[in-house]
Amino acid sequence: MGDILSMLLSGLLVGLAARVLYPGAVDMGLARTILLGIGGALVAGLASSLAGRGTVGEGFNRAGCLASVVGALVLIYLGRHFW
């Protein structure tokens, strides 16, 4: 149960950071913001795996959070320009 709550909280924080950093208004509710953050983490992990930079690890680090925010920004961009 704790893992799910930490995933939701980190998804919320990453999603909020991406919404604040993206230029212009990003209108979405709480659930979409959480999903945006989780999706950003998945995009960052996929990009890291494809680049051969490491494996999936556990724990909290600043580089992973920054990469997750960048991944969420990419998702906002793709959502705005292609859907």
PDB file of N, CA and C in Angstrom:
ATOM      1  N   MET A   1       0.824  -1.195   0.000  1.00  0.00           N
ATOM      2  CA  MET A   1       0.000   0.000   0.000  1.00  0.00           C
ATOM      3  C   MET A   1       0.860   1.247   0.000  1.00  0.00           C
ATOM      4  N   GLY A   2       1.973   1.190   0.704  1.00  0.00           N
ATOM      5  CA  GLY A   2       2.859   2.335   0.763  1.00  0.00           C
ATOM      6  C   GLY A   2       3.494   2.653  -0.585  1.00  0.00           C
ATOM      7  N   ASP A   3       3.767   1.608  -1.373  1.00  0.00           N
ATOM      8  CA  ASP A   3       4.345   1.826  -2.691  1.00  0.00           C
ATOM      9  C   ASP A   3       3.379   2.558  -3.612  1.00  0.00           C
ATOM     10  N   ILE A   4       2.121   2.208  -3.518  1.00  0.00           N
ATOM     11  CA  ILE A   4       1.115   2.860  -4.365  1.00  0.00           C
ATOM     12  C   ILE A   4       0.964   4.319  -3.972  1.00  0.00           C
ATOM     13  N   LEU A   5       0.934   4.582  -2.677  1.00  0.00           N
ATOM     14  CA  LEU A   5       0.805   5.970  -2.225  1.00  0.00           C
ATOM     15  C   LEU A   5       2.023   6.803  -2.610  1.00  0.00           C
ATOM     16  N   SER A   6       3.214   6.237  -2.499  1.00  0.00           N
ATOM     17  CA  SER A   6       4.407   6.986  -2.883  1.00  0.00           C
ATOM     18  C   SER A   6       4.448   7.227  -4.390  1.00  0.00           C
ATOM     19  N   MET A   7       3.957   6.257  -5.172  1.00  0.00           N
ATOM     20  CA  MET A   7       3.896   6.446  -6.620  1.00  0.00           C
ATOM     21  C   MET A   7       2.916   7.563  -6.971  1.00  0.00           C
ATOM     22  N   LEU A   8       1.767   7.591  -6.309  1.00  0.00           N
ATOM     23  CA  LEU A   8       0.786   8.645  -6.570  1.00  0.00           C
ATOM     24  C   LEU A   8       1.312  10.012  -6.150  1.00  0.00           C
ATOM     25  N   LEU A   9       1.972  10.081  -5.015  1.00  0.00           N
ATOM     26  CA  LEU A   9       2.518  11.350  -4.548  1.00  0.00           C
ATOM     27  C   LEU A   9       3.640  11.848  -5.452  1.00  0.00           C
ATOM     28  N   SER A  10       4.541  10.974  -5.836  1.00  0.00           N
ATOM     29  CA  SER A  10       5.621  11.399  -6.722  1.00  0.00           C
ATOM     30  C   SER A  10       5.075  11.749  -8.105  1.00  0.00           C
ATOM     31  N   GLY A  11       4.066  11.022  -8.576  1.00  0.00           N
ATOM     32  CA  GLY A  11       3.430  11.367  -9.846  1.00  0.00           C
ATOM     33  C   GLY A  11       2.786  12.734  -9.786  1.00  0.00           C
ATOM     34  N   LEU A  12       2.159  13.050  -8.653  1.00  0.00           N
ATOM     35  CA  LEU A  12       1.557  14.366  -8.482  1.00  0.00           C
ATOM     36  C   LEU A  12       2.617  15.459  -8.497  1.00  0.00           C
ATOM     37  N   LEU A  13       3.701  15.258  -7.770  1.00  0.00           N
ATOM     38  CA  LEU A  13       4.750  16.276  -7.707  1.00  0.00           C
ATOM     39  C   LEU A  13       5.428  16.487  -9.061  1.00  0.00           C
ATOM     40  N   VAL A  14       5.715  15.405  -9.752  1.00  0.00           N
ATOM     41  CA  VAL A  14       6.338  15.512 -11.080  1.00  0.00           C
ATOM     42  C   VAL A  14       5.368  16.157 -12.061  1.00  0.00           C
ATOM     43  N   GLY A  15       4.115  15.753 -12.033  1.00  0.00           N
ATOM     44  CA  GLY A  15       3.110  16.341 -12.927  1.00  0.00           C
ATOM     45  C   GLY A  15       2.907  17.819 -12.668  1.00  0.00           C
ATOM     46  N   LEU A  16       2.874  18.217 -11.400  1.00  0.00           N
ATOM     47  CA  LEU A  16       2.740  19.641 -11.074  1.00  0.00           C
ATOM     48  C   LEU A  16       3.948  20.432 -11.538  1.00  0.00           C
ATOM     49  N   ALA A  17       5.137  19.879 -11.344  1.00  0.00           N
ATOM     50  CA  ALA A  17       6.348  20.566 -11.795  1.00  0.00           C
ATOM     51  C   ALA A  17       6.337  20.753 -13.311  1.00  0.00           C
ATOM     52  N   ALA A  18       5.912  19.729 -14.038  1.00  0.00           N
ATOM     53  CA  ALA A  18       5.867  19.825 -15.499  1.00  0.00           C
ATOM     54  C   ALA A  18       4.828  20.853 -15.945  1.00  0.00           C
ATOM     55  N   ARG A  19       3.684  20.883 -15.265  1.00  0.00           N
ATOM     56  CA  ARG A  19       2.655  21.859 -15.621  1.00  0.00           C
ATOM     57  C   ARG A  19       3.124  23.281 -15.366  1.00  0.00           C
ATOM     58  N   VAL A  20       3.868  23.493 -14.300  1.00  0.00           N
ATOM     59  CA  VAL A  20       4.374  24.829 -13.984  1.00  0.00           C
ATOM     60  C   VAL A  20       5.445  25.244 -14.981  1.00  0.00           C
ATOM     61  N   LEU A  21       6.305  24.316 -15.374  1.00  0.00           N
ATOM     62  CA  LEU A  21       7.414  24.645 -16.269  1.00  0.00           C
ATOM     63  C   LEU A  21       6.996  24.774 -17.732  1.00  0.00           C
ATOM     64  N   TYR A  22       5.904  24.156 -18.115  1.00  0.00           N
ATOM     65  CA  TYR A  22       5.476  24.228 -19.516  1.00  0.00           C
ATOM     66  C   TYR A  22       4.904  25.606 -19.804  1.00  0.00           C
ATOM     67  N   PRO A  23       5.347  26.242 -20.889  1.00  0.00           N
ATOM     68  CA  PRO A  23       4.820  27.583 -21.204  1.00  0.00           C
ATOM     69  C   PRO A  23       3.348  27.517 -21.612  1.00  0.00           C
ATOM     70  N   GLY A  24       2.569  28.390 -21.060  1.00  0.00           N
ATOM     71  CA  GLY A  24       1.138  28.413 -21.339  1.00  0.00           C
ATOM     72  C   GLY A  24       0.375  27.611 -20.309  1.00  0.00           C
ATOM     73  N   ALA A  25      -0.922  27.745 -20.381  1.00  0.00           N
ATOM     74  CA  ALA A  25      -1.786  27.053 -19.426  1.00  0.00           C
ATOM     75  C   ALA A  25      -1.926  25.582 -19.804  1.00  0.00           C
ATOM     76  N   VAL A  26      -1.841  24.739 -18.814  1.00  0.00           N
ATOM     77  CA  VAL A  26      -2.056  23.305 -19.000  1.00  0.00           C
ATOM     78  C   VAL A  26      -3.252  22.937 -18.130  1.00  0.00           C
ATOM     79  N   ASP A  27      -4.408  22.844 -18.758  1.00  0.00           N
ATOM     80  CA  ASP A  27      -5.646  22.582 -18.030  1.00  0.00           C
ATOM     81  C   ASP A  27      -5.877  21.087 -17.885  1.00  0.00           C
ATOM     82  N   MET A  28      -5.760  20.605 -16.671  1.00  0.00           N
ATOM     83  CA  MET A  28      -6.066  19.214 -16.372  1.00  0.00           C
ATOM     84  C   MET A  28      -6.319  19.092 -14.879  1.00  0.00           C
ATOM     85  N   GLY A  29      -7.050  18.082 -14.521  1.00  0.00           N
ATOM     86  CA  GLY A  29      -7.400  17.863 -13.129  1.00  0.00           C
ATOM     87  C   GLY A  29      -6.321  17.103 -12.374  1.00  0.00           C
ATOM     88  N   LEU A  30      -6.647  16.768 -11.151  1.00  0.00           N
ATOM     89  CA  LEU A  30      -5.700  16.096 -10.269  1.00  0.00           C
ATOM     90  C   LEU A  30      -5.314  14.711 -10.795  1.00  0.00           C
ATOM     91  N   ALA A  31      -6.285  13.942 -11.241  1.00  0.00           N
ATOM     92  CA  ALA A  31      -6.000  12.590 -11.730  1.00  0.00           C
ATOM     93  C   ALA A  31      -5.116  12.620 -12.970  1.00  0.00           C
ATOM     94  N   ARG A  32      -5.387  13.532 -13.876  1.00  0.00           N
ATOM     95  CA  ARG A  32      -4.550  13.638 -15.082  1.00  0.00           C
ATOM     96  C   ARG A  32      -3.153  14.133 -14.755  1.00  0.00           C
ATOM     97  N   THR A  33      -3.041  14.991 -13.758  1.00  0.00           N
ATOM     98  CA  THR A  33      -1.726  15.468 -13.344  1.00  0.00           C
ATOM     99  C   THR A  33      -0.898  14.319 -12.780  1.00  0.00           C
ATOM    100  N   ILE A  34      -1.521  13.476 -11.975  1.00  0.00           N
ATOM    101  CA  ILE A  34      -0.828  12.308 -11.425  1.00  0.00           C
ATOM    102  C   ILE A  34      -0.415  11.363 -12.551  1.00  0.00           C
ATOM    103  N   LEU A  35      -1.325  11.110 -13.479  1.00  0.00           N
ATOM    104  CA  LEU A  35      -0.997  10.236 -14.610  1.00  0.00           C
ATOM    105  C   LEU A  35       0.095  10.835 -15.485  1.00  0.00           C
ATOM    106  N   LEU A  36       0.102  12.152 -15.627  1.00  0.00           N
ATOM    107  CA  LEU A  36       1.160  12.825 -16.384  1.00  0.00           C
ATOM    108  C   LEU A  36       2.513  12.584 -15.726  1.00  0.00           C
ATOM    109  N   GLY A  37       2.582  12.715 -14.410  1.00  0.00           N
ATOM    110  CA  GLY A  37       3.838  12.481 -13.704  1.00  0.00           C
ATOM    111  C   GLY A  37       4.306  11.044 -13.804  1.00  0.00           C
ATOM    112  N   ILE A  38       3.385  10.109 -13.666  1.00  0.00           N
ATOM    113  CA  ILE A  38       3.741   8.696 -13.783  1.00  0.00           C
ATOM    114  C   ILE A  38       4.184   8.383 -15.212  1.00  0.00           C
ATOM    115  N   GLY A  39       3.472   8.929 -16.188  1.00  0.00           N
ATOM    116  CA  GLY A  39       3.863   8.742 -17.582  1.00  0.00           C
ATOM    117  C   GLY A  39       5.219   9.351 -17.882  1.00  0.00           C
ATOM    118  N   GLY A  40       5.500  10.504 -17.296  1.00  0.00           N
ATOM    119  CA  GLY A  40       6.809  11.132 -17.475  1.00  0.00           C
ATOM    120  C   GLY A  40       7.928  10.258 -16.943  1.00  0.00           C
ATOM    121  N   ALA A  41       7.688   9.620 -15.802  1.00  0.00           N
ATOM    122  CA  ALA A  41       8.683   8.701 -15.248  1.00  0.00           C
ATOM    123  C   ALA A  41       8.882   7.494 -16.166  1.00  0.00           C
ATOM    124  N   LEU A  42       7.796   7.004 -16.749  1.00  0.00           N
ATOM    125  CA  LEU A  42       7.911   5.872 -17.677  1.00  0.00           C
ATOM    126  C   LEU A  42       8.671   6.256 -18.936  1.00  0.00           C
ATOM    127  N   VAL A  43       8.402   7.448 -19.467  1.00  0.00           N
ATOM    128  CA  VAL A  43       9.120   7.922 -20.656  1.00  0.00           C
ATOM    129  C   VAL A  43      10.605   8.082 -20.345  1.00  0.00           C
ATOM    130  N   ALA A  44      10.926   8.655 -19.192  1.00  0.00           N
ATOM    131  CA  ALA A  44      12.320   8.830 -18.803  1.00  0.00           C
ATOM    132  C   ALA A  44      13.018   7.485 -18.619  1.00  0.00           C
ATOM    133  N   GLY A  45      12.341   6.532 -18.007  1.00  0.00           N
ATOM    134  CA  GLY A  45      12.923   5.202 -17.829  1.00  0.00           C
ATOM    135  C   GLY A  45      13.135   4.487 -19.145  1.00  0.00           C
ATOM    136  N   LEU A  46      12.188   4.623 -20.063  1.00  0.00           N
ATOM    137  CA  LEU A  46      12.325   4.008 -21.379  1.00  0.00           C
ATOM    138  C   LEU A  46      13.490   4.626 -22.145  1.00  0.00           C
ATOM    139  N   ALA A  47      13.593   5.951 -22.107  1.00  0.00           N
ATOM    140  CA  ALA A  47      14.688   6.630 -22.800  1.00  0.00           C
ATOM    141  C   ALA A  47      16.035   6.222 -22.212  1.00  0.00           C
ATOM    142  N   SER A  48      16.101   6.086 -20.912  1.00  0.00           N
ATOM    143  CA  SER A  48      17.343   5.668 -20.258  1.00  0.00           C
ATOM    144  C   SER A  48      17.709   4.237 -20.643  1.00  0.00           C
ATOM    145  N   SER A  49      16.726   3.373 -20.699  1.00  0.00           N
ATOM    146  CA  SER A  49      16.989   1.982 -21.077  1.00  0.00           C
ATOM    147  C   SER A  49      17.434   1.869 -22.529  1.00  0.00           C
ATOM    148  N   LEU A  50      16.792   2.639 -23.406  1.00  0.00           N
ATOM    149  CA  LEU A  50      17.161   2.596 -24.819  1.00  0.00           C
ATOM    150  C   LEU A  50      18.554   3.175 -25.057  1.00  0.00           C
ATOM    151  N   ALA A  51      18.953   4.136 -24.241  1.00  0.00           N
ATOM    152  CA  ALA A  51      20.275   4.734 -24.378  1.00  0.00           C
ATOM    153  C   ALA A  51      21.355   3.874 -23.732  1.00  0.00           C
ATOM    154  N   GLY A  52      20.938   2.845 -22.994  1.00  0.00           N
ATOM    155  CA  GLY A  52      21.899   1.964 -22.350  1.00  0.00           C
ATOM    156  C   GLY A  52      22.557   2.594 -21.138  1.00  0.00           C
ATOM    157  N   ARG A  53      21.865   3.516 -20.503  1.00  0.00           N
ATOM    158  CA  ARG A  53      22.437   4.247 -19.368  1.00  0.00           C
ATOM    159  C   ARG A  53      22.251   3.559 -18.034  1.00  0.00           C
ATOM    160  N   GLY A  54      21.566   2.488 -17.995  1.00  0.00           N
ATOM    161  CA  GLY A  54      21.386   1.817 -16.710  1.00  0.00           C
ATOM    162  C   GLY A  54      20.170   0.930 -16.723  1.00  0.00           C
ATOM    163  N   THR A  55      19.924   0.379 -15.598  1.00  0.00           N
ATOM    164  CA  THR A  55      18.778  -0.500 -15.444  1.00  0.00           C
ATOM    165  C   THR A  55      17.761   0.165 -14.542  1.00  0.00           C
ATOM    166  N   VAL A  56      16.642  -0.476 -14.412  1.00  0.00           N
ATOM    167  CA  VAL A  56      15.598   0.038 -13.539  1.00  0.00           C
ATOM    168  C   VAL A  56      16.054  -0.160 -12.102  1.00  0.00           C
ATOM    169  N   GLY A  57      16.015   0.901 -11.342  1.00  0.00           N
ATOM    170  CA  GLY A  57      16.444   0.828  -9.951  1.00  0.00           C
ATOM    171  C   GLY A  57      15.375   1.354  -9.025  1.00  0.00           C
ATOM    172  N   GLU A  58      15.593   1.168  -7.775  1.00  0.00           N
ATOM    173  CA  GLU A  58      14.651   1.654  -6.785  1.00  0.00           C
ATOM    174  C   GLU A  58      15.281   2.816  -6.044  1.00  0.00           C
ATOM    175  N   GLY A  59      14.433   3.590  -5.425  1.00  0.00           N
ATOM    176  CA  GLY A  59      14.925   4.689  -4.615  1.00  0.00           C
ATOM    177  C   GLY A  59      14.621   6.024  -5.261  1.00  0.00           C
ATOM    178  N   PHE A  60      14.964   7.048  -4.523  1.00  0.00           N
ATOM    179  CA  PHE A  60      14.673   8.418  -4.918  1.00  0.00           C
ATOM    180  C   PHE A  60      15.980   9.134  -5.176  1.00  0.00           C
ATOM    181  N   ASN A  61      16.101   9.762  -6.330  1.00  0.00           N
ATOM    182  CA  ASN A  61      17.262  10.608  -6.581  1.00  0.00           C
ATOM    183  C   ASN A  61      16.860  11.800  -7.437  1.00  0.00           C
ATOM    184  N   ARG A  62      17.653  12.845  -7.367  1.00  0.00           N
ATOM    185  CA  ARG A  62      17.314  14.078  -8.067  1.00  0.00           C
ATOM    186  C   ARG A  62      17.367  13.929  -9.579  1.00  0.00           C
ATOM    187  N   ALA A  63      18.339  13.178 -10.074  1.00  0.00           N
ATOM    188  CA  ALA A  63      18.455  12.999 -11.515  1.00  0.00           C
ATOM    189  C   ALA A  63      17.225  12.289 -12.086  1.00  0.00           C
ATOM    190  N   GLY A  64      16.732  11.307 -11.368  1.00  0.00           N
ATOM    191  CA  GLY A  64      15.529  10.603 -11.814  1.00  0.00           C
ATOM    192  C   GLY A  64      14.307  11.496 -11.804  1.00  0.00           C
ATOM    193  N   CYS A  65      14.206  12.354 -10.800  1.00  0.00           N
ATOM    194  CA  CYS A  65      13.077  13.296 -10.739  1.00  0.00           C
ATOM    195  C   CYS A  65      13.144  14.291 -11.877  1.00  0.00           C
ATOM    196  N   LEU A  66      14.336  14.810 -12.146  1.00  0.00           N
ATOM    197  CA  LEU A  66      14.500  15.757 -13.251  1.00  0.00           C
ATOM    198  C   LEU A  66      14.173  15.097 -14.582  1.00  0.00           C
ATOM    199  N   ALA A  67      14.631  13.880 -14.771  1.00  0.00           N
ATOM    200  CA  ALA A  67      14.322  13.150 -16.000  1.00  0.00           C
ATOM    201  C   ALA A  67      12.825  12.887 -16.120  1.00  0.00           C
ATOM    202  N   SER A  68      12.165  12.622 -15.011  1.00  0.00           N
ATOM    203  CA  SER A  68      10.717  12.393 -15.026  1.00  0.00           C
ATOM    204  C   SER A  68       9.969  13.659 -15.417  1.00  0.00           C
ATOM    205  N   VAL A  69      10.419  14.803 -14.917  1.00  0.00           N
ATOM    206  CA  VAL A  69       9.791  16.077 -15.283  1.00  0.00           C
ATOM    207  C   VAL A  69       9.997  16.345 -16.766  1.00  0.00           C
ATOM    208  N   VAL A  70      11.195  16.087 -17.279  1.00  0.00           N
ATOM    209  CA  VAL A  70      11.448  16.267 -18.711  1.00  0.00           C
ATOM    210  C   VAL A  70      10.559  15.319 -19.524  1.00  0.00           C
ATOM    211  N   GLY A  71      10.411  14.090 -19.064  1.00  0.00           N
ATOM    212  CA  GLY A  71       9.522  13.145 -19.742  1.00  0.00           C
ATOM    213  C   GLY A  71       8.082  13.624 -19.745  1.00  0.00           C
ATOM    214  N   ALA A  72       7.638  14.207 -18.639  1.00  0.00           N
ATOM    215  CA  ALA A  72       6.273  14.739 -18.565  1.00  0.00           C
ATOM    216  C   ALA A  72       6.119  15.948 -19.490  1.00  0.00           C
ATOM    217  N   LEU A  73       7.155  16.782 -19.588  1.00  0.00           N
ATOM    218  CA  LEU A  73       7.107  17.919 -20.524  1.00  0.00           C
ATOM    219  C   LEU A  73       6.987  17.435 -21.963  1.00  0.00           C
ATOM    220  N   VAL A  74       7.692  16.363 -22.284  1.00  0.00           N
ATOM    221  CA  VAL A  74       7.595  15.773 -23.622  1.00  0.00           C
ATOM    222  C   VAL A  74       6.169  15.278 -23.870  1.00  0.00           C
ATOM    223  N   LEU A  75       5.558  14.659 -22.873  1.00  0.00           N
ATOM    224  CA  LEU A  75       4.185  14.180 -23.035  1.00  0.00           C
ATOM    225  C   LEU A  75       3.203  15.334 -23.236  1.00  0.00           C
ATOM    226  N   ILE A  76       3.398  16.439 -22.508  1.00  0.00           N
ATOM    227  CA  ILE A  76       2.529  17.602 -22.706  1.00  0.00           C
ATOM    228  C   ILE A  76       2.694  18.121 -24.131  1.00  0.00           C
ATOM    229  N   TYR A  77       3.934  18.235 -24.580  1.00  0.00           N
ATOM    230  CA  TYR A  77       4.206  18.722 -25.934  1.00  0.00           C
ATOM    231  C   TYR A  77       3.540  17.823 -26.978  1.00  0.00           C
ATOM    232  N   LEU A  78       3.752  16.523 -26.849  1.00  0.00           N
ATOM    233  CA  LEU A  78       3.161  15.590 -27.813  1.00  0.00           C
ATOM    234  C   LEU A  78       1.632  15.649 -27.782  1.00  0.00           C
ATOM    235  N   GLY A  79       1.081  15.759 -26.590  1.00  0.00           N
ATOM    236  CA  GLY A  79      -0.376  15.848 -26.465  1.00  0.00           C
ATOM    237  C   GLY A  79      -0.933  17.110 -27.102  1.00  0.00           C
ATOM    238  N   ARG A  80      -0.232  18.202 -26.987  1.00  0.00           N
ATOM    239  CA  ARG A  80      -0.693  19.459 -27.563  1.00  0.00           C
ATOM    240  C   ARG A  80      -0.542  19.519 -29.066  1.00  0.00           C
ATOM    241  N   HIS A  81       0.494  18.902 -29.594  1.00  0.00           N
ATOM    242  CA  HIS A  81       0.795  19.052 -31.016  1.00  0.00           C
ATOM    243  C   HIS A  81       0.282  17.925 -31.899  1.00  0.00           C
ATOM    244  N   PHE A  82      -0.015  16.782 -31.312  1.00  0.00           N
ATOM    245  CA  PHE A  82      -0.413  15.651 -32.151  1.00  0.00           C
ATOM    246  C   PHE A  82      -1.771  15.060 -31.809  1.00  0.00           C
ATOM    247  N   TRP A  83      -2.399  15.477 -30.700  1.00  0.00           N
ATOM    248  CA  TRP A  83      -3.724  14.950 -30.371  1.00  0.00           C
ATOM    249  C   TRP A  83      -4.703  16.054 -30.184  1.00  0.00           C
TER     250      TRP A  83
END
